[in-house]
Amino acid sequence: MSRVRLAVAGAGLIGRRHAALVSASAECELVGIADPESGAREFAEAAGVPAYVELADLLDTVHPDGVIVASPNRFHVRHGLQCVKAGVPVLVEKPIADTVAEAEILVEAAEGSGVPLLVGHHRRHSPILATARTLVERGVLGRLVAVMGSAVFCKPDTYFDEAPWRREPGGGPILINLIHEIDNLRALCGDIVSVQATASNEVRGFAVEDTVAITLRFASGALGTFLLSDTAAAARSWEQTSREDAGYPSYADEDCYVLAGTEGSLSIPSMRLRVFTGERSWWKPLRTSTVEVPNADPLARQLAHFHAVVRGLEQPIVDGRQGLETLRVTQAIAEAADSGQLVAT
């Protein structure tokens, strides 16, 4: 069977990672790059594929089997709609859109035309997340009661110097980083029905938050707390604990999530499981074990899944509706932080 011919829209950091994975795949072939920036042409030439300023021109000329949209967030809907119009399956990087209203336009267009739309919440393809979700679904923890999560880390000053828009509303950790965490928690614990949040910018003094404390109510009745900060000298984040991206230092003694149920609790990503073996009481010991998890690159697994979606062998694990709901909750948290009110999702 011939390889699936894939193009990439956007030659930034994540777009180049996607392109490298496609080029290295035995089942896929990179056939083009679309990006108006000056460095994109040199990148495409080095990859041995044609470069286009506009994705529409690439679609008309190359006719790929699928497209990975890794352009800046504001172009996600525009590029996604171009793929849908061309009848080409599309993987759109997260967030699916800048706003819920724009996301709804893309989702409805894809559903109406029957074109597969996969949203790039790549952690859904993490073996860690998949194993934890299986434990929850099997009832190993009993009924889920409480969820504690964190993404506390420190972005260097250069992060803001290189892109000054990150100092302004919309450039903070809620919309840039938290959307990953919300998708993880939705995958593990189910839908989130309401949120509250308190935000602070006291450390950096920018016009955007640097630290946020969040409370969550899940449809199951479970409650959650989440602490987010991009200015903390701490390592309780997915990147610094999961060891899935070698670009980050990792700390094996840290966890970023704890799921607690009526029968047991699970720390993630160390996968330390503690369960009652008899009477449920804090006077009784919990049996402790570590759940084994295979090591794999979630981005590579996502590409393999997209290959199967393009072939018509699988339905998207994170379809447009899933990406839309994750965006809806994330924006609700931003609204709650601004208003100080409980916000239903």
C-alpha atoms as a PDB file:
ATOM      1  CA  MET A   1       0.000   0.000   0.000  1.00  0.00           C
ATOM      2  CA  SER A   2       1.329   3.465  -0.909  1.00  0.00           C
ATOM      3  CA  ARG A   3       2.236   5.889   1.829  1.00  0.00           C
ATOM      4  CA  VAL A   4      -0.225   8.539   3.002  1.00  0.00           C
ATOM      5  CA  ARG A   5       0.750  11.909   1.501  1.00  0.00           C
ATOM      6  CA  LEU A   6       0.676  14.610   4.202  1.00  0.00           C
ATOM      7  CA  ALA A   7       1.298  18.356   4.108  1.00  0.00           C
ATOM      8  CA  VAL A   8       1.994  20.685   7.027  1.00  0.00           C
ATOM      9  CA  ALA A   9       0.618  24.215   7.368  1.00  0.00           C
ATOM     10  CA  GLY A  10       2.908  26.229   9.613  1.00  0.00           C
ATOM     11  CA  ALA A  11       6.676  25.898   9.878  1.00  0.00           C
ATOM     12  CA  GLY A  12       7.072  27.042  13.457  1.00  0.00           C
ATOM     13  CA  LEU A  13       8.373  24.911  16.317  1.00  0.00           C
ATOM     14  CA  ILE A  14       5.486  22.429  16.467  1.00  0.00           C
ATOM     15  CA  GLY A  15       5.039  22.396  12.686  1.00  0.00           C
ATOM     16  CA  ARG A  16       8.657  21.384  12.234  1.00  0.00           C
ATOM     17  CA  ARG A  17       8.265  18.609  14.782  1.00  0.00           C
ATOM     18  CA  HIS A  18       5.265  17.302  12.871  1.00  0.00           C
ATOM     19  CA  ALA A  19       7.151  17.523   9.583  1.00  0.00           C
ATOM     20  CA  ALA A  20      10.114  15.612  11.026  1.00  0.00           C
ATOM     21  CA  LEU A  21       7.840  12.846  12.302  1.00  0.00           C
ATOM     22  CA  VAL A  22       6.089  12.580   8.924  1.00  0.00           C
ATOM     23  CA  SER A  23       9.437  12.395   7.120  1.00  0.00           C
ATOM     24  CA  ALA A  24      10.658   9.679   9.487  1.00  0.00           C
ATOM     25  CA  SER A  25       7.499   7.591   9.149  1.00  0.00           C
ATOM     26  CA  ALA A  26       7.482   4.490   6.971  1.00  0.00           C
ATOM     27  CA  GLU A  27       3.730   4.935   6.393  1.00  0.00           C
ATOM     28  CA  CYS A  28       3.622   8.648   5.565  1.00  0.00           C
ATOM     29  CA  GLU A  29       5.236  10.968   3.036  1.00  0.00           C
ATOM     30  CA  LEU A  30       5.767  14.711   3.489  1.00  0.00           C
ATOM     31  CA  VAL A  31       4.629  16.423   0.283  1.00  0.00           C
ATOM     32  CA  GLY A  32       4.570  20.132   1.076  1.00  0.00           C
ATOM     33  CA  ILE A  33       4.871  23.001   3.563  1.00  0.00           C
ATOM     34  CA  ALA A  34       2.621  26.067   3.650  1.00  0.00           C
ATOM     35  CA  ASP A  35       3.833  29.139   5.554  1.00  0.00           C
ATOM     36  CA  PRO A  36       4.335  32.773   4.484  1.00  0.00           C
ATOM     37  CA  GLU A  37       7.327  33.353   6.774  1.00  0.00           C
ATOM     38  CA  SER A  38      10.727  33.725   5.100  1.00  0.00           C
ATOM     39  CA  GLY A  39      12.346  30.788   6.881  1.00  0.00           C
ATOM     40  CA  ALA A  40       9.690  28.344   5.713  1.00  0.00           C
ATOM     41  CA  ARG A  41      11.072  28.050   2.183  1.00  0.00           C
ATOM     42  CA  GLU A  42      14.534  27.120   3.427  1.00  0.00           C
ATOM     43  CA  PHE A  43      12.994  24.578   5.791  1.00  0.00           C
ATOM     44  CA  ALA A  44      10.933  23.050   2.972  1.00  0.00           C
ATOM     45  CA  GLU A  45      13.962  22.896   0.682  1.00  0.00           C
ATOM     46  CA  ALA A  46      15.954  21.107   3.376  1.00  0.00           C
ATOM     47  CA  ALA A  47      13.085  18.640   3.717  1.00  0.00           C
ATOM     48  CA  GLY A  48      12.982  18.134  -0.046  1.00  0.00           C
ATOM     49  CA  VAL A  49       9.399  19.319  -0.533  1.00  0.00           C
ATOM     50  CA  PRO A  50       7.805  22.366  -2.205  1.00  0.00           C
ATOM     51  CA  ALA A  51       6.929  25.450  -0.159  1.00  0.00           C
ATOM     52  CA  TYR A  52       3.772  27.531  -0.541  1.00  0.00           C
ATOM     53  CA  VAL A  53       2.797  30.869   0.924  1.00  0.00           C
ATOM     54  CA  GLU A  54      -0.874  29.905   1.131  1.00  0.00           C
ATOM     55  CA  LEU A  55      -2.369  26.575   2.153  1.00  0.00           C
ATOM     56  CA  ALA A  56      -5.072  26.980  -0.505  1.00  0.00           C
ATOM     57  CA  ASP A  57      -2.401  26.953  -3.223  1.00  0.00           C
ATOM     58  CA  LEU A  58      -0.811  23.831  -1.745  1.00  0.00           C
ATOM     59  CA  LEU A  59      -4.179  22.057  -1.668  1.00  0.00           C
ATOM     60  CA  ASP A  60      -4.875  22.958  -5.308  1.00  0.00           C
ATOM     61  CA  THR A  61      -1.413  21.926  -6.506  1.00  0.00           C
ATOM     62  CA  VAL A  62      -0.234  19.016  -4.367  1.00  0.00           C
ATOM     63  CA  HIS A  63      -3.617  17.407  -3.520  1.00  0.00           C
ATOM     64  CA  PRO A  64      -2.414  15.779  -0.263  1.00  0.00           C
ATOM     65  CA  ASP A  65      -4.263  12.941   1.433  1.00  0.00           C
ATOM     66  CA  GLY A  66      -4.230  14.841   4.710  1.00  0.00           C
ATOM     67  CA  VAL A  67      -3.027  18.096   6.267  1.00  0.00           C
ATOM     68  CA  ILE A  68      -1.576  18.912   9.680  1.00  0.00           C
ATOM     69  CA  VAL A  69      -2.469  22.498  10.623  1.00  0.00           C
ATOM     70  CA  ALA A  70       0.226  23.887  12.922  1.00  0.00           C
ATOM     71  CA  SER A  71      -0.114  27.534  11.975  1.00  0.00           C
ATOM     72  CA  PRO A  72      -0.626  30.274  14.611  1.00  0.00           C
ATOM     73  CA  ASN A  73      -3.866  29.850  16.556  1.00  0.00           C
ATOM     74  CA  ARG A  74      -5.662  32.670  14.754  1.00  0.00           C
ATOM     75  CA  PHE A  75      -5.358  30.756  11.453  1.00  0.00           C
ATOM     76  CA  HIS A  76      -6.599  27.374  12.706  1.00  0.00           C
ATOM     77  CA  VAL A  77     -10.216  27.838  11.642  1.00  0.00           C
ATOM     78  CA  ARG A  78      -9.334  29.419   8.292  1.00  0.00           C
ATOM     79  CA  HIS A  79      -6.921  26.623   7.405  1.00  0.00           C
ATOM     80  CA  GLY A  80      -9.206  23.928   8.776  1.00  0.00           C
ATOM     81  CA  LEU A  81     -12.095  25.210   6.655  1.00  0.00           C
ATOM     82  CA  GLN A  82      -9.886  25.199   3.555  1.00  0.00           C
ATOM     83  CA  CYS A  83      -9.115  21.539   4.148  1.00  0.00           C
ATOM     84  CA  VAL A  84     -12.770  20.709   4.738  1.00  0.00           C
ATOM     85  CA  LYS A  85     -13.772  22.498   1.534  1.00  0.00           C
ATOM     86  CA  ALA A  86     -11.151  20.468  -0.348  1.00  0.00           C
ATOM     87  CA  GLY A  87     -12.420  17.236   1.230  1.00  0.00           C
ATOM     88  CA  VAL A  88      -9.037  16.586   2.888  1.00  0.00           C
ATOM     89  CA  PRO A  89      -8.833  15.053   6.396  1.00  0.00           C
ATOM     90  CA  VAL A  90      -7.202  17.490   8.794  1.00  0.00           C
ATOM     91  CA  LEU A  91      -5.326  17.414  12.100  1.00  0.00           C
ATOM     92  CA  VAL A  92      -5.659  20.869  13.699  1.00  0.00           C
ATOM     93  CA  GLU A  93      -3.242  21.719  16.488  1.00  0.00           C
ATOM     94  CA  LYS A  94      -4.689  22.805  19.806  1.00  0.00           C
ATOM     95  CA  PRO A  95      -6.511  24.990  20.520  1.00  0.00           C
ATOM     96  CA  ILE A  96      -8.971  24.233  17.776  1.00  0.00           C
ATOM     97  CA  ALA A  97      -9.732  27.973  17.601  1.00  0.00           C
ATOM     98  CA  ASP A  98      -9.275  31.250  19.445  1.00  0.00           C
ATOM     99  CA  THR A  99     -12.940  31.340  20.472  1.00  0.00           C
ATOM    100  CA  VAL A 100     -15.780  28.893  21.012  1.00  0.00           C
ATOM    101  CA  ALA A 101     -17.869  30.602  18.314  1.00  0.00           C
ATOM    102  CA  GLU A 102     -15.125  30.159  15.715  1.00  0.00           C
ATOM    103  CA  ALA A 103     -14.569  26.550  16.778  1.00  0.00           C
ATOM    104  CA  GLU A 104     -18.258  25.797  16.279  1.00  0.00           C
ATOM    105  CA  ILE A 105     -18.037  27.010  12.674  1.00  0.00           C
ATOM    106  CA  LEU A 106     -15.189  24.600  11.898  1.00  0.00           C
ATOM    107  CA  VAL A 107     -16.745  21.666  13.759  1.00  0.00           C
ATOM    108  CA  GLU A 108     -20.112  22.063  12.057  1.00  0.00           C
ATOM    109  CA  ALA A 109     -18.480  22.405   8.626  1.00  0.00           C
ATOM    110  CA  ALA A 110     -16.466  19.216   9.142  1.00  0.00           C
ATOM    111  CA  GLU A 111     -19.458  17.288  10.446  1.00  0.00           C
ATOM    112  CA  GLY A 112     -21.679  18.565   7.647  1.00  0.00           C
ATOM    113  CA  SER A 113     -19.227  17.501   4.957  1.00  0.00           C
ATOM    114  CA  GLY A 114     -18.125  14.254   6.567  1.00  0.00           C
ATOM    115  CA  VAL A 115     -14.450  15.283   6.483  1.00  0.00           C
ATOM    116  CA  PRO A 116     -12.489  13.811   9.431  1.00  0.00           C
ATOM    117  CA  LEU A 117     -11.280  16.467  11.875  1.00  0.00           C
ATOM    118  CA  LEU A 118      -8.711  15.478  14.511  1.00  0.00           C
ATOM    119  CA  VAL A 119      -7.637  18.004  17.171  1.00  0.00           C
ATOM    120  CA  GLY A 120      -4.003  17.869  18.257  1.00  0.00           C
ATOM    121  CA  HIS A 121      -4.379  17.255  21.970  1.00  0.00           C
ATOM    122  CA  HIS A 122      -1.461  14.864  21.675  1.00  0.00           C
ATOM    123  CA  ARG A 123      -1.419  13.838  25.341  1.00  0.00           C
ATOM    124  CA  ARG A 124      -4.564  11.774  24.648  1.00  0.00           C
ATOM    125  CA  HIS A 125      -2.103   9.457  22.887  1.00  0.00           C
ATOM    126  CA  SER A 126       0.174   9.230  25.931  1.00  0.00           C
ATOM    127  CA  PRO A 127       0.530   5.717  27.387  1.00  0.00           C
ATOM    128  CA  ILE A 128       0.528   7.330  30.835  1.00  0.00           C
ATOM    129  CA  LEU A 129      -2.831   8.977  30.277  1.00  0.00           C
ATOM    130  CA  ALA A 130      -4.283   5.886  28.593  1.00  0.00           C
ATOM    131  CA  THR A 131      -3.230   3.609  31.470  1.00  0.00           C
ATOM    132  CA  ALA A 132      -4.583   5.988  34.104  1.00  0.00           C
ATOM    133  CA  ARG A 133      -7.873   6.304  32.251  1.00  0.00           C
ATOM    134  CA  THR A 134      -8.223   2.508  32.105  1.00  0.00           C
ATOM    135  CA  LEU A 135      -7.739   2.256  35.869  1.00  0.00           C
ATOM    136  CA  VAL A 136     -10.448   4.853  36.442  1.00  0.00           C
ATOM    137  CA  GLU A 137     -12.857   3.203  33.998  1.00  0.00           C
ATOM    138  CA  ARG A 138     -12.296  -0.232  35.563  1.00  0.00           C
ATOM    139  CA  GLY A 139     -13.281   1.179  38.951  1.00  0.00           C
ATOM    140  CA  VAL A 140      -9.931   0.440  40.603  1.00  0.00           C
ATOM    141  CA  LEU A 141     -10.221   3.747  42.492  1.00  0.00           C
ATOM    142  CA  GLY A 142     -13.896   3.256  43.280  1.00  0.00           C
ATOM    143  CA  ARG A 143     -16.106   6.276  42.763  1.00  0.00           C
ATOM    144  CA  LEU A 144     -14.012   9.319  41.923  1.00  0.00           C
ATOM    145  CA  VAL A 145     -14.246  11.900  44.717  1.00  0.00           C
ATOM    146  CA  ALA A 146     -11.439  14.437  44.412  1.00  0.00           C
ATOM    147  CA  VAL A 147      -8.910  15.542  41.819  1.00  0.00           C
ATOM    148  CA  MET A 148      -5.793  17.584  42.580  1.00  0.00           C
ATOM    149  CA  GLY A 149      -3.734  18.929  39.698  1.00  0.00           C
ATOM    150  CA  SER A 150      -0.927  21.352  39.058  1.00  0.00           C
ATOM    151  CA  ALA A 151       1.088  22.939  36.288  1.00  0.00           C
ATOM    152  CA  VAL A 152       3.603  25.061  38.165  1.00  0.00           C
ATOM    153  CA  PHE A 153       6.814  25.897  36.335  1.00  0.00           C
ATOM    154  CA  CYS A 154       8.887  28.902  35.299  1.00  0.00           C
ATOM    155  CA  LYS A 155       9.078  30.498  31.869  1.00  0.00           C
ATOM    156  CA  PRO A 156      12.311  32.485  31.366  1.00  0.00           C
ATOM    157  CA  ASP A 157      12.296  36.210  30.628  1.00  0.00           C
ATOM    158  CA  THR A 158      13.387  35.492  27.045  1.00  0.00           C
ATOM    159  CA  TYR A 159      10.040  33.745  26.443  1.00  0.00           C
ATOM    160  CA  PHE A 160       8.329  37.133  26.740  1.00  0.00           C
ATOM    161  CA  ASP A 161      11.081  39.146  25.070  1.00  0.00           C
ATOM    162  CA  GLU A 162      10.870  36.974  21.933  1.00  0.00           C
ATOM    163  CA  ALA A 163       7.092  37.433  21.685  1.00  0.00           C
ATOM    164  CA  PRO A 164       5.867  40.561  23.510  1.00  0.00           C
ATOM    165  CA  TRP A 165       2.213  39.612  22.860  1.00  0.00           C
ATOM    166  CA  ARG A 166       2.636  37.022  25.616  1.00  0.00           C
ATOM    167  CA  ARG A 167       2.614  39.899  28.110  1.00  0.00           C
ATOM    168  CA  GLU A 168      -0.918  40.845  27.035  1.00  0.00           C
ATOM    169  CA  PRO A 169      -4.363  39.296  27.668  1.00  0.00           C
ATOM    170  CA  GLY A 170      -4.605  35.950  25.877  1.00  0.00           C
ATOM    171  CA  GLY A 171      -0.872  35.364  26.154  1.00  0.00           C
ATOM    172  CA  GLY A 172      -0.895  33.925  29.661  1.00  0.00           C
ATOM    173  CA  PRO A 173      -0.819  30.360  30.932  1.00  0.00           C
ATOM    174  CA  ILE A 174      -4.619  29.916  30.953  1.00  0.00           C
ATOM    175  CA  LEU A 175      -5.018  29.907  27.181  1.00  0.00           C
ATOM    176  CA  ILE A 176      -1.505  28.742  26.299  1.00  0.00           C
ATOM    177  CA  ASN A 177      -0.830  26.000  28.869  1.00  0.00           C
ATOM    178  CA  LEU A 178      -3.985  25.177  30.814  1.00  0.00           C
ATOM    179  CA  ILE A 179      -5.859  23.909  27.762  1.00  0.00           C
ATOM    180  CA  HIS A 180      -3.569  20.829  27.783  1.00  0.00           C
ATOM    181  CA  GLU A 181      -4.400  20.152  31.423  1.00  0.00           C
ATOM    182  CA  ILE A 182      -8.134  20.587  30.970  1.00  0.00           C
ATOM    183  CA  ASP A 183      -8.118  18.088  28.121  1.00  0.00           C
ATOM    184  CA  ASN A 184      -6.185  15.631  30.300  1.00  0.00           C
ATOM    185  CA  LEU A 185      -8.643  16.012  33.176  1.00  0.00           C
ATOM    186  CA  ARG A 186     -11.636  15.640  30.873  1.00  0.00           C
ATOM    187  CA  ALA A 187     -10.117  12.452  29.457  1.00  0.00           C
ATOM    188  CA  LEU A 188      -9.461  11.064  32.940  1.00  0.00           C
ATOM    189  CA  CYS A 189     -12.439  12.283  34.943  1.00  0.00           C
ATOM    190  CA  GLY A 190     -15.219  13.173  32.519  1.00  0.00           C
ATOM    191  CA  ASP A 191     -16.960  16.405  31.643  1.00  0.00           C
ATOM    192  CA  ILE A 192     -16.471  19.564  33.694  1.00  0.00           C
ATOM    193  CA  VAL A 193     -19.743  21.410  34.373  1.00  0.00           C
ATOM    194  CA  SER A 194     -18.656  24.507  36.311  1.00  0.00           C
ATOM    195  CA  VAL A 195     -15.500  26.380  37.308  1.00  0.00           C
ATOM    196  CA  GLN A 196     -14.272  29.110  39.615  1.00  0.00           C
ATOM    197  CA  ALA A 197     -10.892  30.833  39.501  1.00  0.00           C
ATOM    198  CA  THR A 198      -8.724  33.495  41.103  1.00  0.00           C
ATOM    199  CA  ALA A 199      -5.827  34.933  39.126  1.00  0.00           C
ATOM    200  CA  SER A 200      -2.809  37.076  40.001  1.00  0.00           C
ATOM    201  CA  ASN A 201      -0.171  38.990  38.048  1.00  0.00           C
ATOM    202  CA  GLU A 202       1.695  40.193  41.120  1.00  0.00           C
ATOM    203  CA  VAL A 203       5.081  38.655  40.270  1.00  0.00           C
ATOM    204  CA  ARG A 204       5.670  39.886  36.719  1.00  0.00           C
ATOM    205  CA  GLY A 205       3.176  42.732  36.685  1.00  0.00           C
ATOM    206  CA  PHE A 206       2.167  42.083  33.079  1.00  0.00           C
ATOM    207  CA  ALA A 207      -1.351  42.724  31.840  1.00  0.00           C
ATOM    208  CA  VAL A 208      -1.933  38.967  31.897  1.00  0.00           C
ATOM    209  CA  GLU A 209      -2.066  36.378  34.684  1.00  0.00           C
ATOM    210  CA  ASP A 210       0.993  34.505  35.879  1.00  0.00           C
ATOM    211  CA  THR A 211      -0.670  32.426  38.631  1.00  0.00           C
ATOM    212  CA  VAL A 212      -4.191  30.990  38.893  1.00  0.00           C
ATOM    213  CA  ALA A 213      -6.030  28.922  41.497  1.00  0.00           C
ATOM    214  CA  ILE A 214      -8.964  26.974  40.046  1.00  0.00           C
ATOM    215  CA  THR A 215     -11.826  24.838  41.357  1.00  0.00           C
ATOM    216  CA  LEU A 216     -13.683  22.380  39.126  1.00  0.00           C
ATOM    217  CA  ARG A 217     -16.950  20.471  39.380  1.00  0.00           C
ATOM    218  CA  PHE A 218     -17.231  17.351  37.243  1.00  0.00           C
ATOM    219  CA  ALA A 219     -20.479  15.939  35.879  1.00  0.00           C
ATOM    220  CA  SER A 220     -19.908  12.842  38.032  1.00  0.00           C
ATOM    221  CA  GLY A 221     -20.067  14.975  41.195  1.00  0.00           C
ATOM    222  CA  ALA A 222     -16.316  14.818  41.817  1.00  0.00           C
ATOM    223  CA  LEU A 223     -14.601  18.063  42.764  1.00  0.00           C
ATOM    224  CA  GLY A 224     -11.180  19.251  41.675  1.00  0.00           C
ATOM    225  CA  THR A 225      -8.567  21.870  42.378  1.00  0.00           C
ATOM    226  CA  PHE A 226      -5.850  23.016  40.007  1.00  0.00           C
ATOM    227  CA  LEU A 227      -2.904  25.348  40.603  1.00  0.00           C
ATOM    228  CA  LEU A 228      -1.349  27.010  37.563  1.00  0.00           C
ATOM    229  CA  SER A 229       1.718  29.239  37.465  1.00  0.00           C
ATOM    230  CA  ASP A 230       4.368  30.031  34.873  1.00  0.00           C
ATOM    231  CA  THR A 231       6.577  31.950  37.306  1.00  0.00           C
ATOM    232  CA  ALA A 232       7.106  29.353  40.035  1.00  0.00           C
ATOM    233  CA  ALA A 233      10.423  27.650  40.846  1.00  0.00           C
ATOM    234  CA  ALA A 234       8.735  24.268  40.864  1.00  0.00           C
ATOM    235  CA  ALA A 235       8.546  21.116  38.752  1.00  0.00           C
ATOM    236  CA  ARG A 236       4.976  19.911  39.211  1.00  0.00           C
ATOM    237  CA  SER A 237       4.029  20.040  35.557  1.00  0.00           C
ATOM    238  CA  TRP A 238       3.361  17.347  32.954  1.00  0.00           C
ATOM    239  CA  GLU A 239       6.417  18.342  30.948  1.00  0.00           C
ATOM    240  CA  GLN A 240       8.748  18.057  33.957  1.00  0.00           C
ATOM    241  CA  THR A 241       7.335  14.818  35.329  1.00  0.00           C
ATOM    242  CA  SER A 242       6.150  12.657  32.410  1.00  0.00           C
ATOM    243  CA  ARG A 243       9.565  12.319  30.710  1.00  0.00           C
ATOM    244  CA  GLU A 244       7.774  12.334  27.342  1.00  0.00           C
ATOM    245  CA  ASP A 245       9.762  15.305  26.004  1.00  0.00           C
ATOM    246  CA  ALA A 246      13.515  15.041  26.470  1.00  0.00           C
ATOM    247  CA  GLY A 247      13.826  18.800  26.047  1.00  0.00           C
ATOM    248  CA  TYR A 248      12.684  19.279  29.640  1.00  0.00           C
ATOM    249  CA  PRO A 249      14.556  18.170  32.772  1.00  0.00           C
ATOM    250  CA  SER A 250      12.489  15.627  34.683  1.00  0.00           C
ATOM    251  CA  TYR A 251      11.983  14.809  38.340  1.00  0.00           C
ATOM    252  CA  ALA A 252      10.951  11.252  39.156  1.00  0.00           C
ATOM    253  CA  ASP A 253       9.862  12.155  42.698  1.00  0.00           C
ATOM    254  CA  GLU A 254       7.252  14.690  41.519  1.00  0.00           C
ATOM    255  CA  ASP A 255       3.661  14.190  40.352  1.00  0.00           C
ATOM    256  CA  CYS A 256       1.312  16.657  38.720  1.00  0.00           C
ATOM    257  CA  TYR A 257      -2.043  14.927  39.315  1.00  0.00           C
ATOM    258  CA  VAL A 258      -3.632  12.916  42.110  1.00  0.00           C
ATOM    259  CA  LEU A 259      -6.968  11.171  41.524  1.00  0.00           C
ATOM    260  CA  ALA A 260      -8.720  10.053  44.701  1.00  0.00           C
ATOM    261  CA  GLY A 261     -11.692   7.699  44.800  1.00  0.00           C
ATOM    262  CA  THR A 262     -13.613   5.818  47.450  1.00  0.00           C
ATOM    263  CA  GLU A 263     -11.367   2.745  47.157  1.00  0.00           C
ATOM    264  CA  GLY A 264      -7.980   4.122  46.191  1.00  0.00           C
ATOM    265  CA  SER A 265      -5.856   6.911  44.761  1.00  0.00           C
ATOM    266  CA  LEU A 266      -3.502   7.257  41.814  1.00  0.00           C
ATOM    267  CA  SER A 267      -0.582   9.691  41.490  1.00  0.00           C
ATOM    268  CA  ILE A 268       0.301  10.662  37.920  1.00  0.00           C
ATOM    269  CA  PRO A 269       2.726  10.253  36.191  1.00  0.00           C
ATOM    270  CA  SER A 270       4.617   8.193  38.786  1.00  0.00           C
ATOM    271  CA  MET A 271       1.588   5.836  38.617  1.00  0.00           C
ATOM    272  CA  ARG A 272       1.779   5.129  42.347  1.00  0.00           C
ATOM    273  CA  LEU A 273      -1.445   3.337  43.222  1.00  0.00           C
ATOM    274  CA  ARG A 274      -2.750   3.070  46.790  1.00  0.00           C
ATOM    275  CA  VAL A 275      -5.902   1.053  47.534  1.00  0.00           C
ATOM    276  CA  PHE A 276      -7.748  -0.271  50.541  1.00  0.00           C
ATOM    277  CA  THR A 277      -7.630  -4.050  50.942  1.00  0.00           C
ATOM    278  CA  GLY A 278     -10.302  -4.222  53.634  1.00  0.00           C
ATOM    279  CA  GLU A 279     -12.091  -1.694  55.796  1.00  0.00           C
ATOM    280  CA  ARG A 280     -12.169   1.851  54.438  1.00  0.00           C
ATOM    281  CA  SER A 281     -10.586   3.823  57.249  1.00  0.00           C
ATOM    282  CA  TRP A 282      -7.653   6.144  57.738  1.00  0.00           C
ATOM    283  CA  TRP A 283      -6.691   3.847  60.614  1.00  0.00           C
ATOM    284  CA  LYS A 284      -6.148   1.021  58.109  1.00  0.00           C
ATOM    285  CA  PRO A 285      -3.134   0.777  55.766  1.00  0.00           C
ATOM    286  CA  LEU A 286      -3.376   1.294  52.022  1.00  0.00           C
ATOM    287  CA  ARG A 287      -1.619  -1.207  49.775  1.00  0.00           C
ATOM    288  CA  THR A 288       0.906   0.597  47.584  1.00  0.00           C
ATOM    289  CA  SER A 289       2.067  -0.485  44.136  1.00  0.00           C
ATOM    290  CA  THR A 290       3.391   1.092  40.935  1.00  0.00           C
ATOM    291  CA  VAL A 291       1.530   0.522  37.683  1.00  0.00           C
ATOM    292  CA  GLU A 292       3.831  -0.211  34.748  1.00  0.00           C
ATOM    293  CA  VAL A 293       3.453   1.983  31.671  1.00  0.00           C
ATOM    294  CA  PRO A 294       5.144   1.471  28.272  1.00  0.00           C
ATOM    295  CA  ASN A 295       7.332   4.275  26.979  1.00  0.00           C
ATOM    296  CA  ALA A 296       6.238   5.953  23.729  1.00  0.00           C
ATOM    297  CA  ASP A 297       6.177   9.376  22.080  1.00  0.00           C
ATOM    298  CA  PRO A 298       2.598  10.735  22.112  1.00  0.00           C
ATOM    299  CA  LEU A 299       3.227  12.884  19.019  1.00  0.00           C
ATOM    300  CA  ALA A 300       4.406   9.844  17.067  1.00  0.00           C
ATOM    301  CA  ARG A 301       1.391   7.860  18.270  1.00  0.00           C
ATOM    302  CA  GLN A 302      -0.873  10.731  17.236  1.00  0.00           C
ATOM    303  CA  LEU A 303       0.629  10.671  13.744  1.00  0.00           C
ATOM    304  CA  ALA A 304       0.034   6.923  13.502  1.00  0.00           C
ATOM    305  CA  HIS A 305      -3.571   7.526  14.540  1.00  0.00           C
ATOM    306  CA  PHE A 306      -3.982  10.314  11.963  1.00  0.00           C
ATOM    307  CA  HIS A 307      -2.611   7.941   9.330  1.00  0.00           C
ATOM    308  CA  ALA A 308      -5.369   5.477  10.261  1.00  0.00           C
ATOM    309  CA  VAL A 309      -7.982   8.260  10.215  1.00  0.00           C
ATOM    310  CA  VAL A 310      -6.916   9.337   6.725  1.00  0.00           C
ATOM    311  CA  ARG A 311      -7.103   5.703   5.577  1.00  0.00           C
ATOM    312  CA  GLY A 312     -10.615   5.456   7.003  1.00  0.00           C
ATOM    313  CA  LEU A 313      -9.570   2.745   9.468  1.00  0.00           C
ATOM    314  CA  GLU A 314     -10.251   4.720  12.670  1.00  0.00           C
ATOM    315  CA  GLN A 315     -12.428   7.581  13.896  1.00  0.00           C
ATOM    316  CA  PRO A 316     -10.646  10.563  15.494  1.00  0.00           C
ATOM    317  CA  ILE A 317      -9.927   9.975  19.191  1.00  0.00           C
ATOM    318  CA  VAL A 318     -10.118  13.732  19.783  1.00  0.00           C
ATOM    319  CA  ASP A 319     -12.655  14.933  17.245  1.00  0.00           C
ATOM    320  CA  GLY A 320     -13.872  18.481  16.733  1.00  0.00           C
ATOM    321  CA  ARG A 321     -16.509  18.219  19.454  1.00  0.00           C
ATOM    322  CA  GLN A 322     -13.920  17.085  21.996  1.00  0.00           C
ATOM    323  CA  GLY A 323     -11.600  19.942  21.060  1.00  0.00           C
ATOM    324  CA  LEU A 324     -14.522  22.371  21.249  1.00  0.00           C
ATOM    325  CA  GLU A 325     -15.515  21.247  24.760  1.00  0.00           C
ATOM    326  CA  THR A 326     -11.949  21.541  26.046  1.00  0.00           C
ATOM    327  CA  LEU A 327     -11.753  25.076  24.643  1.00  0.00           C
ATOM    328  CA  ARG A 328     -15.143  25.908  26.185  1.00  0.00           C
ATOM    329  CA  VAL A 329     -13.983  24.910  29.683  1.00  0.00           C
ATOM    330  CA  THR A 330     -10.665  26.733  29.301  1.00  0.00           C
ATOM    331  CA  GLN A 331     -12.383  29.939  28.236  1.00  0.00           C
ATOM    332  CA  ALA A 332     -14.836  29.560  31.122  1.00  0.00           C
ATOM    333  CA  ILE A 333     -11.872  29.536  33.512  1.00  0.00           C
ATOM    334  CA  ALA A 334     -10.550  32.749  31.959  1.00  0.00           C
ATOM    335  CA  GLU A 335     -14.023  34.279  32.360  1.00  0.00           C
ATOM    336  CA  ALA A 336     -14.250  33.112  35.976  1.00  0.00           C
ATOM    337  CA  ALA A 337     -10.834  34.600  36.754  1.00  0.00           C
ATOM    338  CA  ASP A 338     -11.954  37.942  35.322  1.00  0.00           C
ATOM    339  CA  SER A 339     -15.368  38.027  36.997  1.00  0.00           C
ATOM    340  CA  GLY A 340     -14.718  36.225  40.265  1.00  0.00           C
ATOM    341  CA  GLN A 341     -17.974  34.331  39.667  1.00  0.00           C
ATOM    342  CA  LEU A 342     -18.897  30.665  39.277  1.00  0.00           C
ATOM    343  CA  VAL A 343     -19.151  29.941  35.546  1.00  0.00           C
ATOM    344  CA  ALA A 344     -21.133  27.043  34.124  1.00  0.00           C
ATOM    345  CA  THR A 345     -19.630  25.340  31.094  1.00  0.00           C
END
